Protein backbone atom coordinates (compact mmCIF):
# COMPACT_ATOMS: atom_id res chain seq x y z
CA MET A 1 0.03 -0.04 -0.02
CA GLU A 2 1.05 3.60 -0.73
CA TYR A 3 -0.01 6.60 1.36
CA VAL A 4 -0.46 10.25 1.13
CA THR A 5 0.48 12.34 4.28
CA ARG A 6 -1.37 15.62 4.97
CA LEU A 7 -1.46 17.47 8.18
CA ASP A 8 0.36 14.57 9.87
CA GLU A 9 -2.35 12.13 8.78
CA GLU A 10 -1.37 9.21 6.72
CA VAL A 11 -4.15 8.13 4.31
CA PRO A 12 -4.07 4.97 2.12
CA LYS A 13 -3.90 5.83 -1.56
CA ILE A 14 -6.82 3.49 -2.30
CA GLY A 15 -10.00 3.07 -0.38
CA VAL A 16 -13.49 1.73 -0.97
CA GLY A 17 -16.37 3.90 -1.85
CA THR A 18 -19.96 3.05 -0.99
CA TRP A 19 -22.04 5.22 -3.35
CA GLN A 20 -25.30 3.61 -4.63
CA MET A 21 -25.03 0.82 -2.08
CA ASN A 22 -27.88 0.17 0.39
CA THR A 23 -27.18 -0.59 4.00
CA GLN A 24 -26.67 -4.34 3.58
CA GLU A 25 -24.61 -3.87 0.41
CA ALA A 26 -22.36 -1.40 2.22
CA TYR A 27 -22.01 -3.78 5.16
CA GLU A 28 -20.90 -6.64 2.90
CA SER A 29 -18.64 -4.50 0.68
CA VAL A 30 -16.85 -2.83 3.65
CA SER A 31 -16.65 -6.13 5.47
CA MET A 32 -14.89 -7.73 2.42
CA ALA A 33 -12.70 -4.72 1.84
CA LEU A 34 -11.40 -4.73 5.41
CA GLU A 35 -10.72 -8.43 5.12
CA GLU A 36 -8.74 -7.78 1.93
CA GLY A 37 -6.59 -5.15 3.52
CA TYR A 38 -8.42 -1.87 2.88
CA ARG A 39 -8.13 0.72 5.65
CA HIS A 40 -9.74 3.71 3.95
CA ILE A 41 -13.60 3.82 3.82
CA ASP A 42 -15.74 6.44 2.22
CA THR A 43 -19.51 7.11 2.85
CA ALA A 44 -21.95 9.99 3.08
CA GLN A 45 -25.12 11.02 4.86
CA LEU A 46 -26.88 11.13 1.44
CA TYR A 47 -25.87 7.47 0.67
CA ASP A 48 -28.17 6.41 3.58
CA ASN A 49 -25.83 3.45 4.32
CA GLU A 50 -23.71 4.85 7.24
CA ALA A 51 -25.28 2.21 9.56
CA GLY A 52 -24.09 -0.60 7.34
CA VAL A 53 -20.60 0.91 7.09
CA GLY A 54 -20.49 1.33 10.83
CA SER A 55 -21.60 -2.21 11.54
CA ALA A 56 -18.99 -3.55 9.17
CA ILE A 57 -16.25 -1.56 11.03
CA ALA A 58 -17.56 -2.77 14.37
CA ASP A 59 -17.61 -6.45 13.31
CA ALA A 60 -14.29 -6.39 11.58
CA ASP A 61 -11.11 -7.86 13.13
CA VAL A 62 -9.48 -4.46 12.63
CA ASP A 63 -8.77 -1.78 15.18
CA ARG A 64 -10.79 1.39 14.63
CA GLU A 65 -7.51 3.33 14.82
CA GLU A 66 -6.28 1.65 11.71
CA ILE A 67 -9.21 2.85 9.61
CA PHE A 68 -9.34 6.18 7.86
CA LEU A 69 -13.16 6.97 7.76
CA THR A 70 -14.80 9.70 5.71
CA THR A 71 -18.35 10.85 5.53
CA LYS A 72 -20.00 13.89 3.98
CA VAL A 73 -22.58 16.40 5.17
CA ASP A 74 -25.90 16.58 3.32
CA PRO A 75 -25.84 19.97 1.60
CA SER A 76 -29.36 20.68 2.72
CA ASN A 77 -27.86 21.28 6.23
CA ARG A 78 -27.14 25.01 5.86
CA SER A 79 -26.98 26.30 9.47
CA VAL A 80 -24.35 25.64 12.06
CA GLU A 81 -26.90 23.84 14.27
CA ASP A 82 -28.21 21.62 11.41
CA ILE A 83 -24.66 20.72 10.37
CA VAL A 84 -23.63 19.79 13.91
CA ASP A 85 -26.87 17.87 14.49
CA SER A 86 -26.40 15.99 11.27
CA VAL A 87 -22.78 15.05 12.08
CA ARG A 88 -24.00 13.83 15.57
CA GLY A 89 -26.37 11.56 13.62
CA SER A 90 -23.52 10.30 11.46
CA VAL A 91 -21.39 9.49 14.36
CA ASP A 92 -24.26 7.53 16.01
CA ARG A 93 -25.08 5.68 12.83
CA LEU A 94 -21.41 4.80 12.19
CA GLY A 95 -20.99 3.74 15.78
CA VAL A 96 -17.69 5.65 16.17
CA GLU A 97 -16.47 8.34 18.54
CA THR A 98 -15.05 10.55 15.73
CA ILE A 99 -15.01 10.76 11.93
CA ASP A 100 -11.54 11.08 10.50
CA LEU A 101 -12.55 13.29 7.60
CA LEU A 102 -15.73 15.35 7.23
CA LEU A 103 -16.58 16.81 3.85
CA ILE A 104 -19.20 19.15 2.47
CA HIS A 105 -20.94 16.84 -0.06
CA TRP A 106 -21.32 19.63 -2.48
CA PRO A 107 -21.89 23.48 -2.13
CA HIS A 108 -25.53 24.39 -1.62
CA PRO A 109 -26.22 27.44 -3.95
CA LEU A 110 -28.29 29.11 -1.16
CA ALA A 111 -25.85 28.36 1.72
CA ASN A 112 -23.39 30.76 3.11
CA LEU A 113 -19.93 29.19 2.87
CA GLY A 114 -18.73 30.86 6.01
CA THR A 115 -21.66 29.47 7.99
CA VAL A 116 -21.08 26.01 6.62
CA MET A 117 -17.38 26.19 7.49
CA ASP A 118 -18.28 27.41 10.93
CA GLY A 119 -20.48 24.34 11.23
CA LEU A 120 -17.63 22.05 10.41
CA ASP A 121 -15.48 23.94 12.91
CA ARG A 122 -18.08 23.34 15.63
CA CYS A 123 -17.98 19.57 14.81
CA VAL A 124 -14.26 19.64 15.58
CA TRP A 125 -14.69 21.59 18.82
CA GLU A 126 -17.39 19.04 19.96
CA GLY A 127 -14.95 16.10 19.12
CA LEU A 128 -17.13 14.76 16.30
CA THR A 129 -14.26 14.94 13.70
CA GLN A 130 -10.66 15.66 13.84
CA LEU A 131 -9.76 18.35 11.30
CA SER A 132 -11.03 21.81 10.50
CA GLU A 133 -10.28 25.50 11.08
CA ALA A 134 -7.26 24.58 9.23
CA PRO A 135 -6.05 24.30 5.64
CA ILE A 136 -8.46 22.25 3.39
CA PHE A 137 -7.58 18.56 3.60
CA THR A 138 -8.98 17.29 0.35
CA ASP A 139 -11.10 18.07 -2.74
CA GLN A 140 -13.09 14.98 -3.85
CA VAL A 141 -13.83 15.14 -7.57
CA GLN A 142 -14.30 12.89 -10.55
CA PHE A 143 -10.76 12.07 -11.81
CA HIS A 144 -9.81 9.42 -14.33
CA PRO A 145 -7.84 9.15 -17.64
CA TRP A 146 -10.59 10.75 -19.65
CA TRP A 147 -11.13 13.56 -17.08
CA PRO A 148 -7.65 14.27 -15.78
CA GLN A 149 -8.52 17.65 -14.17
CA ARG A 150 -5.11 19.07 -14.90
CA GLU A 151 -5.68 22.59 -13.75
CA LEU A 152 -7.26 21.42 -10.51
CA LEU A 153 -4.65 18.79 -9.95
CA SER A 154 -1.84 21.33 -10.34
CA TYR A 155 -3.67 23.69 -7.87
CA CYS A 156 -3.96 20.93 -5.30
CA GLN A 157 -0.28 19.89 -5.72
CA ASP A 158 0.87 23.50 -5.40
CA HIS A 159 -1.14 24.14 -2.31
CA ASP A 160 -0.59 20.69 -0.67
CA VAL A 161 -4.26 19.64 -0.87
CA VAL A 162 -5.10 16.05 -1.41
CA LEU A 163 -7.23 15.31 -4.49
CA THR A 164 -9.56 12.44 -3.87
CA ALA A 165 -10.58 10.69 -7.05
CA TYR A 166 -14.08 9.21 -7.29
CA SER A 167 -15.22 7.20 -10.34
CA PRO A 168 -11.57 6.46 -11.12
CA LEU A 169 -12.75 3.85 -13.68
CA ALA A 170 -14.67 6.42 -15.71
CA ASN A 171 -18.01 4.94 -14.70
CA GLY A 172 -17.04 1.67 -16.31
CA GLY A 173 -15.35 3.20 -19.37
CA ALA A 174 -11.98 1.83 -18.34
CA ILE A 175 -13.12 -1.73 -18.35
CA GLY A 176 -12.93 -2.46 -22.05
CA ASP A 177 -10.33 0.19 -23.03
CA ASP A 178 -7.88 -1.31 -25.59
CA VAL A 179 -4.90 0.86 -24.50
CA LEU A 180 -5.39 0.08 -20.84
CA GLN A 181 -5.63 -3.69 -21.64
CA GLU A 182 -2.61 -3.53 -23.81
CA ILE A 183 -0.47 -1.88 -21.19
CA GLY A 184 -1.91 -4.19 -18.50
CA ARG A 185 -0.67 -7.25 -20.43
CA ARG A 186 2.88 -6.06 -19.94
CA TYR A 187 2.46 -6.20 -16.18
CA ASP A 188 -0.01 -9.08 -15.97
CA LYS A 189 -2.74 -6.66 -14.84
CA SER A 190 -6.22 -5.84 -16.09
CA GLY A 191 -7.21 -2.65 -17.80
CA PRO A 192 -8.99 -1.31 -14.75
CA GLN A 193 -5.95 -2.06 -12.53
CA VAL A 194 -3.85 0.03 -14.94
CA ALA A 195 -6.38 2.92 -14.75
CA LEU A 196 -6.24 2.76 -10.97
CA ARG A 197 -2.43 2.77 -11.04
CA TRP A 198 -2.53 5.70 -13.38
CA VAL A 199 -4.60 7.57 -10.72
CA THR A 200 -2.56 6.59 -7.78
CA GLN A 201 0.83 7.49 -9.34
CA HIS A 202 -0.15 11.10 -9.30
CA GLU A 203 1.28 13.13 -6.48
CA ASN A 204 -1.20 13.91 -3.62
CA VAL A 205 -3.98 11.83 -5.18
CA ILE A 206 -6.01 9.10 -3.47
CA THR A 207 -8.97 7.15 -4.87
CA ILE A 208 -12.12 5.38 -3.65
CA PRO A 209 -13.36 2.88 -6.30
CA MET A 210 -16.57 1.11 -5.33
CA SER A 211 -17.23 -2.46 -5.65
CA THR A 212 -19.47 -5.13 -4.11
CA SER A 213 -17.37 -7.98 -5.62
CA ARG A 214 -14.53 -9.52 -3.55
CA THR A 215 -12.73 -10.33 -6.75
CA HIS A 216 -12.77 -6.77 -7.92
CA LEU A 217 -11.96 -5.44 -4.45
CA ARG A 218 -8.89 -7.77 -4.38
CA GLU A 219 -7.86 -6.63 -7.90
CA ASN A 220 -8.29 -2.93 -7.14
CA ILE A 221 -5.84 -3.00 -4.25
CA ASP A 222 -3.35 -5.15 -6.06
CA ILE A 223 -1.78 -2.44 -8.11
CA PHE A 224 1.24 -1.09 -6.16
CA ASP A 225 3.69 -3.56 -7.56
CA VAL A 226 3.59 -1.74 -10.85
CA LEU A 227 5.19 1.51 -11.85
CA LEU A 228 3.91 2.94 -15.13
CA THR A 229 6.34 4.69 -17.39
CA ARG A 230 5.93 8.34 -18.44
CA GLU A 231 5.18 7.10 -21.98
CA GLU A 232 2.45 4.90 -20.66
CA HIS A 233 0.99 7.78 -18.69
CA ASP A 234 0.87 9.89 -21.80
CA ARG A 235 -0.80 7.18 -23.87
CA ILE A 236 -3.40 6.54 -21.08
CA THR A 237 -4.22 10.22 -20.70
CA ARG A 238 -4.48 10.83 -24.40
CA PRO A 239 -8.17 11.16 -25.41
CA SER A 240 -9.62 8.22 -27.35
CA TYR A 241 -9.94 10.18 -30.54
CA LEU A 242 -6.13 10.82 -30.39
CA ARG A 243 -5.39 7.07 -29.96
CA THR A 244 -5.99 6.46 -33.68
CA GLY A 245 -2.54 7.57 -34.70
CA LEU A 246 -2.35 11.30 -34.04
CA THR A 247 0.69 12.44 -31.86
CA MET A 248 0.92 14.42 -28.77
CA LEU A 249 3.99 16.26 -27.58
CA LYS A 250 5.81 14.14 -24.95
CA GLY A 251 5.80 15.83 -21.65
CA GLN A 252 2.69 17.79 -22.30
CA LEU A 253 0.75 16.18 -19.54
CA PRO A 254 2.39 16.69 -16.06
CA VAL A 255 2.15 13.74 -13.75
């Protein structure tokens, strides 16, 4: 496993996401993930599966201190009181004393950002989570070879902000990609494994692919024995319409 360190917190570069899972699916997925060596779990109030995630953590033969646990505040909570109350609810459903990382799920267009941040700070003061009133820890965005977010990535790297990649397999687009499969054959890896390695080789980037399959969970974490070359990175990032023979200047895409 590789890690990103931010604010003295060491975070595994790959975790398991639980979007679109019901409570039972989240329980089963997180349970399998912890058995397979995952120590980074991502959920959200809006997923309505925090109870399943929490039960899996409680039932696992893994110390709570070894797990980096993220949840996200429902953006409909716009006041300090509502935010704090919602996080108390998350803590109760997850069955933990504190949440390692608390995120705003997405900005509410009618919410005052200062009020929202004050709410997150209050959660820290009350011991519900660990970090806030501090530099931003992470920005969780869609990030994959067809959406490399170069400007945002550069900003995060320049300002020591972690970029958390969701949908790292391009919502399934990476599964049958010819270039990823070709590169994977060199390393005895699948195309999706190559895509995940492409993501995790970037500085300050972590990722949270979701899966309810033990086989896929096992494959997703089995990527750190490979180091892609710069040429392979360029080929992977190159848009599909450029893969037909057009060229791109080497070094154009910073890793």
